[in-house]
Amino acid sequence: MYPNLKAEMARNNIEIKMIMDATGKSRAAVSNNLNGRGSFSIDEAIKIRNTIFPDASIDYLFALSEK
């Protein structure tokens, strides 16, 4: 799930800890979301985009398939 988000994390050396800090979620919850066993809320998606990927669109980052 979220292949674009995962790709951007890899390209920009973003670790799960940064997503945890942005969302307030546990490591397990973030990992589950990134691997399709959950999803980020709209508020969490906005926080991730605003704090870590300000130049990317929410639609791109949180697409369920690669674009």
PDB file of N, CA and C in Angstrom:
ATOM      1  N   MET A   1       0.843  -1.180   0.000  1.00  0.00           N
ATOM      2  CA  MET A   1       0.000   0.000   0.000  1.00  0.00           C
ATOM      3  C   MET A   1       0.890   1.245   0.000  1.00  0.00           C
ATOM      4  N   TYR A   2       0.421   2.291  -0.587  1.00  0.00           N
ATOM      5  CA  TYR A   2       1.137   3.567  -0.676  1.00  0.00           C
ATOM      6  C   TYR A   2       2.518   3.424  -1.334  1.00  0.00           C
ATOM      7  N   PRO A   3       2.583   2.857  -2.519  1.00  0.00           N
ATOM      8  CA  PRO A   3       3.885   2.668  -3.160  1.00  0.00           C
ATOM      9  C   PRO A   3       4.629   3.981  -3.412  1.00  0.00           C
ATOM     10  N   ASN A   4       3.919   5.059  -3.694  1.00  0.00           N
ATOM     11  CA  ASN A   4       4.593   6.350  -3.938  1.00  0.00           C
ATOM     12  C   ASN A   4       5.198   6.899  -2.651  1.00  0.00           C
ATOM     13  N   LEU A   5       4.475   6.767  -1.558  1.00  0.00           N
ATOM     14  CA  LEU A   5       4.993   7.219  -0.270  1.00  0.00           C
ATOM     15  C   LEU A   5       6.247   6.425   0.082  1.00  0.00           C
ATOM     16  N   LYS A   6       6.193   5.117  -0.084  1.00  0.00           N
ATOM     17  CA  LYS A   6       7.347   4.278   0.213  1.00  0.00           C
ATOM     18  C   LYS A   6       8.532   4.628  -0.698  1.00  0.00           C
ATOM     19  N   ALA A   7       8.267   4.896  -1.972  1.00  0.00           N
ATOM     20  CA  ALA A   7       9.330   5.263  -2.904  1.00  0.00           C
ATOM     21  C   ALA A   7       9.960   6.596  -2.518  1.00  0.00           C
ATOM     22  N   GLU A   8       9.140   7.569  -2.149  1.00  0.00           N
ATOM     23  CA  GLU A   8       9.661   8.871  -1.727  1.00  0.00           C
ATOM     24  C   GLU A   8      10.450   8.762  -0.430  1.00  0.00           C
ATOM     25  N   MET A   9       9.999   7.905   0.467  1.00  0.00           N
ATOM     26  CA  MET A   9      10.752   7.676   1.702  1.00  0.00           C
ATOM     27  C   MET A   9      12.141   7.134   1.370  1.00  0.00           C
ATOM     28  N   ALA A  10      12.208   6.172   0.464  1.00  0.00           N
ATOM     29  CA  ALA A  10      13.490   5.581   0.080  1.00  0.00           C
ATOM     30  C   ALA A  10      14.380   6.614  -0.618  1.00  0.00           C
ATOM     31  N   ARG A  11      13.806   7.377  -1.553  1.00  0.00           N
ATOM     32  CA  ARG A  11      14.583   8.382  -2.297  1.00  0.00           C
ATOM     33  C   ARG A  11      15.160   9.463  -1.397  1.00  0.00           C
ATOM     34  N   ASN A  12      14.405   9.791  -0.357  1.00  0.00           N
ATOM     35  CA  ASN A  12      14.799  10.904   0.515  1.00  0.00           C
ATOM     36  C   ASN A  12      15.358  10.458   1.868  1.00  0.00           C
ATOM     37  N   ASN A  13      15.661   9.170   1.983  1.00  0.00           N
ATOM     38  CA  ASN A  13      16.202   8.615   3.231  1.00  0.00           C
ATOM     39  C   ASN A  13      15.336   8.946   4.446  1.00  0.00           C
ATOM     40  N   ILE A  14      14.032   8.838   4.279  1.00  0.00           N
ATOM     41  CA  ILE A  14      13.086   9.091   5.354  1.00  0.00           C
ATOM     42  C   ILE A  14      12.842   7.777   6.090  1.00  0.00           C
ATOM     43  N   GLU A  15      13.027   7.791   7.388  1.00  0.00           N
ATOM     44  CA  GLU A  15      12.826   6.596   8.196  1.00  0.00           C
ATOM     45  C   GLU A  15      11.434   6.591   8.818  1.00  0.00           C
ATOM     46  N   ILE A  16      11.009   5.415   9.225  1.00  0.00           N
ATOM     47  CA  ILE A  16       9.687   5.269   9.853  1.00  0.00           C
ATOM     48  C   ILE A  16       9.561   6.206  11.048  1.00  0.00           C
ATOM     49  N   LYS A  17      10.648   6.441  11.760  1.00  0.00           N
ATOM     50  CA  LYS A  17      10.623   7.327  12.939  1.00  0.00           C
ATOM     51  C   LYS A  17      10.093   8.709  12.588  1.00  0.00           C
ATOM     52  N   MET A  18      10.423   9.211  11.422  1.00  0.00           N
ATOM     53  CA  MET A  18       9.930  10.531  11.017  1.00  0.00           C
ATOM     54  C   MET A  18       8.417  10.507  10.797  1.00  0.00           C
ATOM     55  N   ILE A  19       7.916   9.416  10.224  1.00  0.00           N
ATOM     56  CA  ILE A  19       6.466   9.265  10.034  1.00  0.00           C
ATOM     57  C   ILE A  19       5.790   9.137  11.399  1.00  0.00           C
ATOM     58  N   MET A  20       6.429   8.390  12.304  1.00  0.00           N
ATOM     59  CA  MET A  20       5.902   8.251  13.668  1.00  0.00           C
ATOM     60  C   MET A  20       5.791   9.613  14.338  1.00  0.00           C
ATOM     61  N   ASP A  21       6.851  10.405  14.225  1.00  0.00           N
ATOM     62  CA  ASP A  21       6.862  11.736  14.849  1.00  0.00           C
ATOM     63  C   ASP A  21       5.787  12.647  14.250  1.00  0.00           C
ATOM     64  N   ALA A  22       5.596  12.567  12.949  1.00  0.00           N
ATOM     65  CA  ALA A  22       4.610  13.425  12.277  1.00  0.00           C
ATOM     66  C   ALA A  22       3.178  13.054  12.652  1.00  0.00           C
ATOM     67  N   THR A  23       2.935  11.757  12.841  1.00  0.00           N
ATOM     68  CA  THR A  23       1.566  11.287  13.058  1.00  0.00           C
ATOM     69  C   THR A  23       1.226  10.966  14.511  1.00  0.00           C
ATOM     70  N   GLY A  24       2.254  10.711  15.323  1.00  0.00           N
ATOM     71  CA  GLY A  24       2.006  10.289  16.700  1.00  0.00           C
ATOM     72  C   GLY A  24       1.651   8.813  16.808  1.00  0.00           C
ATOM     73  N   LYS A  25       1.833   8.076  15.707  1.00  0.00           N
ATOM     74  CA  LYS A  25       1.529   6.648  15.703  1.00  0.00           C
ATOM     75  C   LYS A  25       2.753   5.843  16.125  1.00  0.00           C
ATOM     76  N   SER A  26       2.496   4.633  16.594  1.00  0.00           N
ATOM     77  CA  SER A  26       3.585   3.731  16.979  1.00  0.00           C
ATOM     78  C   SER A  26       4.283   3.191  15.731  1.00  0.00           C
ATOM     79  N   ARG A  27       5.481   2.638  15.945  1.00  0.00           N
ATOM     80  CA  ARG A  27       6.237   2.025  14.845  1.00  0.00           C
ATOM     81  C   ARG A  27       5.410   0.924  14.193  1.00  0.00           C
ATOM     82  N   ALA A  28       4.764   0.099  15.010  1.00  0.00           N
ATOM     83  CA  ALA A  28       3.967  -1.005  14.470  1.00  0.00           C
ATOM     84  C   ALA A  28       2.811  -0.487  13.626  1.00  0.00           C
ATOM     85  N   ALA A  29       2.147   0.563  14.088  1.00  0.00           N
ATOM     86  CA  ALA A  29       1.004   1.112  13.349  1.00  0.00           C
ATOM     87  C   ALA A  29       1.456   1.708  12.014  1.00  0.00           C
ATOM     88  N   VAL A  30       2.559   2.435  12.014  1.00  0.00           N
ATOM     89  CA  VAL A  30       3.069   3.019  10.770  1.00  0.00           C
ATOM     90  C   VAL A  30       3.492   1.911   9.817  1.00  0.00           C
ATOM     91  N   SER A  31       4.204   0.936  10.326  1.00  0.00           N
ATOM     92  CA  SER A  31       4.634  -0.194   9.497  1.00  0.00           C
ATOM     93  C   SER A  31       3.429  -0.915   8.904  1.00  0.00           C
ATOM     94  N   ASN A  32       2.412  -1.151   9.720  1.00  0.00           N
ATOM     95  CA  ASN A  32       1.193  -1.798   9.224  1.00  0.00           C
ATOM     96  C   ASN A  32       0.550  -0.971   8.115  1.00  0.00           C
ATOM     97  N   ASN A  33       0.482   0.322   8.297  1.00  0.00           N
ATOM     98  CA  ASN A  33      -0.114   1.187   7.278  1.00  0.00           C
ATOM     99  C   ASN A  33       0.678   1.140   5.975  1.00  0.00           C
ATOM    100  N   LEU A  34       1.997   1.199   6.087  1.00  0.00           N
ATOM    101  CA  LEU A  34       2.835   1.181   4.891  1.00  0.00           C
ATOM    102  C   LEU A  34       2.745  -0.155   4.154  1.00  0.00           C
ATOM    103  N   ASN A  35       2.416  -1.208   4.874  1.00  0.00           N
ATOM    104  CA  ASN A  35       2.353  -2.537   4.269  1.00  0.00           C
ATOM    105  C   ASN A  35       0.932  -3.021   3.996  1.00  0.00           C
ATOM    106  N   GLY A  36      -0.038  -2.112   4.053  1.00  0.00           N
ATOM    107  CA  GLY A  36      -1.394  -2.445   3.642  1.00  0.00           C
ATOM    108  C   GLY A  36      -2.263  -3.096   4.689  1.00  0.00           C
ATOM    109  N   ARG A  37      -1.823  -3.077   5.941  1.00  0.00           N
ATOM    110  CA  ARG A  37      -2.639  -3.659   7.001  1.00  0.00           C
ATOM    111  C   ARG A  37      -3.318  -2.567   7.831  1.00  0.00           C
ATOM    112  N   GLY A  38      -3.538  -1.445   7.217  1.00  0.00           N
ATOM    113  CA  GLY A  38      -4.173  -0.302   7.851  1.00  0.00           C
ATOM    114  C   GLY A  38      -4.049   0.871   6.905  1.00  0.00           C
ATOM    115  N   SER A  39      -4.514   2.019   7.336  1.00  0.00           N
ATOM    116  CA  SER A  39      -4.403   3.192   6.477  1.00  0.00           C
ATOM    117  C   SER A  39      -4.223   4.438   7.336  1.00  0.00           C
ATOM    118  N   PHE A  40      -3.657   5.453   6.709  1.00  0.00           N
ATOM    119  CA  PHE A  40      -3.503   6.735   7.383  1.00  0.00           C
ATOM    120  C   PHE A  40      -4.801   7.512   7.250  1.00  0.00           C
ATOM    121  N   SER A  41      -5.149   8.242   8.292  1.00  0.00           N
ATOM    122  CA  SER A  41      -6.320   9.118   8.223  1.00  0.00           C
ATOM    123  C   SER A  41      -5.972  10.327   7.358  1.00  0.00           C
ATOM    124  N   ILE A  42      -6.974  11.076   6.994  1.00  0.00           N
ATOM    125  CA  ILE A  42      -6.752  12.307   6.217  1.00  0.00           C
ATOM    126  C   ILE A  42      -5.847  13.256   7.001  1.00  0.00           C
ATOM    127  N   ASP A  43      -6.108  13.406   8.292  1.00  0.00           N
ATOM    128  CA  ASP A  43      -5.291  14.297   9.116  1.00  0.00           C
ATOM    129  C   ASP A  43      -3.839  13.834   9.164  1.00  0.00           C
ATOM    130  N   GLU A  44      -3.625  12.530   9.275  1.00  0.00           N
ATOM    131  CA  GLU A  44      -2.258  12.001   9.291  1.00  0.00           C
ATOM    132  C   GLU A  44      -1.578  12.220   7.949  1.00  0.00           C
ATOM    133  N   ALA A  45      -2.299  12.006   6.870  1.00  0.00           N
ATOM    134  CA  ALA A  45      -1.738  12.219   5.531  1.00  0.00           C
ATOM    135  C   ALA A  45      -1.312  13.677   5.358  1.00  0.00           C
ATOM    136  N   ILE A  46      -2.127  14.586   5.824  1.00  0.00           N
ATOM    137  CA  ILE A  46      -1.801  16.009   5.724  1.00  0.00           C
ATOM    138  C   ILE A  46      -0.563  16.333   6.560  1.00  0.00           C
ATOM    139  N   LYS A  47      -0.481  15.787   7.762  1.00  0.00           N
ATOM    140  CA  LYS A  47       0.687  16.021   8.618  1.00  0.00           C
ATOM    141  C   LYS A  47       1.955  15.485   7.964  1.00  0.00           C
ATOM    142  N   ILE A  48       1.882  14.282   7.388  1.00  0.00           N
ATOM    143  CA  ILE A  48       3.046  13.694   6.722  1.00  0.00           C
ATOM    144  C   ILE A  48       3.474  14.567   5.552  1.00  0.00           C
ATOM    145  N   ARG A  49       2.526  14.955   4.733  1.00  0.00           N
ATOM    146  CA  ARG A  49       2.856  15.799   3.578  1.00  0.00           C
ATOM    147  C   ARG A  49       3.440  17.132   4.024  1.00  0.00           C
ATOM    148  N   ASN A  50       2.791  17.789   4.979  1.00  0.00           N
ATOM    149  CA  ASN A  50       3.231  19.119   5.405  1.00  0.00           C
ATOM    150  C   ASN A  50       4.603  19.114   6.079  1.00  0.00           C
ATOM    151  N   THR A  51       4.881  18.090   6.873  1.00  0.00           N
ATOM    152  CA  THR A  51       6.130  18.088   7.637  1.00  0.00           C
ATOM    153  C   THR A  51       7.293  17.418   6.919  1.00  0.00           C
ATOM    154  N   ILE A  52       7.007  16.445   6.047  1.00  0.00           N
ATOM    155  CA  ILE A  52       8.097  15.671   5.445  1.00  0.00           C
ATOM    156  C   ILE A  52       8.211  15.872   3.941  1.00  0.00           C
ATOM    157  N   PHE A  53       7.095  15.966   3.251  1.00  0.00           N
ATOM    158  CA  PHE A  53       7.084  16.075   1.783  1.00  0.00           C
ATOM    159  C   PHE A  53       6.270  17.282   1.318  1.00  0.00           C
ATOM    160  N   PRO A  54       6.647  18.490   1.697  1.00  0.00           N
ATOM    161  CA  PRO A  54       5.818  19.660   1.384  1.00  0.00           C
ATOM    162  C   PRO A  54       5.644  19.944  -0.102  1.00  0.00           C
ATOM    163  N   ASP A  55       6.526  19.423  -0.939  1.00  0.00           N
ATOM    164  CA  ASP A  55       6.424  19.688  -2.372  1.00  0.00           C
ATOM    165  C   ASP A  55       5.618  18.633  -3.128  1.00  0.00           C
ATOM    166  N   ALA A  56       5.190  17.579  -2.435  1.00  0.00           N
ATOM    167  CA  ALA A  56       4.425  16.497  -3.081  1.00  0.00           C
ATOM    168  C   ALA A  56       2.937  16.679  -2.813  1.00  0.00           C
ATOM    169  N   SER A  57       2.122  16.190  -3.727  1.00  0.00           N
ATOM    170  CA  SER A  57       0.678  16.277  -3.509  1.00  0.00           C
ATOM    171  C   SER A  57       0.212  15.085  -2.672  1.00  0.00           C
ATOM    172  N   ILE A  58      -0.845  15.304  -1.953  1.00  0.00           N
ATOM    173  CA  ILE A  58      -1.444  14.221  -1.157  1.00  0.00           C
ATOM    174  C   ILE A  58      -1.906  13.103  -2.085  1.00  0.00           C
ATOM    175  N   ASP A  59      -2.504  13.470  -3.210  1.00  0.00           N
ATOM    176  CA  ASP A  59      -2.977  12.458  -4.162  1.00  0.00           C
ATOM    177  C   ASP A  59      -1.841  11.554  -4.617  1.00  0.00           C
ATOM    178  N   TYR A  60      -0.691  12.138  -4.897  1.00  0.00           N
ATOM    179  CA  TYR A  60       0.465  11.355  -5.334  1.00  0.00           C
ATOM    180  C   TYR A  60       0.986  10.475  -4.201  1.00  0.00           C
ATOM    181  N   LEU A  61       1.257  11.061  -3.042  1.00  0.00           N
ATOM    182  CA  LEU A  61       1.851  10.313  -1.946  1.00  0.00           C
ATOM    183  C   LEU A  61       0.987   9.147  -1.487  1.00  0.00           C
ATOM    184  N   PHE A  62      -0.305   9.363  -1.446  1.00  0.00           N
ATOM    185  CA  PHE A  62      -1.189   8.364  -0.846  1.00  0.00           C
ATOM    186  C   PHE A  62      -2.022   7.587  -1.861  1.00  0.00           C
ATOM    187  N   ALA A  63      -1.579   7.607  -3.119  1.00  0.00           N
ATOM    188  CA  ALA A  63      -2.222   6.775  -4.145  1.00  0.00           C
ATOM    189  C   ALA A  63      -2.016   5.312  -3.755  1.00  0.00           C
ATOM    190  N   LEU A  64      -3.005   4.492  -4.043  1.00  0.00           N
ATOM    191  CA  LEU A  64      -2.911   3.084  -3.682  1.00  0.00           C
ATOM    192  C   LEU A  64      -2.168   2.263  -4.722  1.00  0.00           C
ATOM    193  N   SER A  65      -1.875   2.879  -5.872  1.00  0.00           N
ATOM    194  CA  SER A  65      -1.033   2.232  -6.880  1.00  0.00           C
ATOM    195  C   SER A  65      -0.077   3.289  -7.416  1.00  0.00           C
ATOM    196  N   GLU A  66       1.032   2.843  -7.998  1.00  0.00           N
ATOM    197  CA  GLU A  66       2.038   3.795  -8.483  1.00  0.00           C
ATOM    198  C   GLU A  66       1.507   4.665  -9.601  1.00  0.00           C
ATOM    199  N   LYS A  67       1.915   5.925  -9.555  1.00  0.00           N
ATOM    200  CA  LYS A  67       1.538   6.881 -10.604  1.00  0.00           C
ATOM    201  C   LYS A  67       2.780   7.527 -11.140  1.00  0.00           C
TER     202      LYS A  67
END
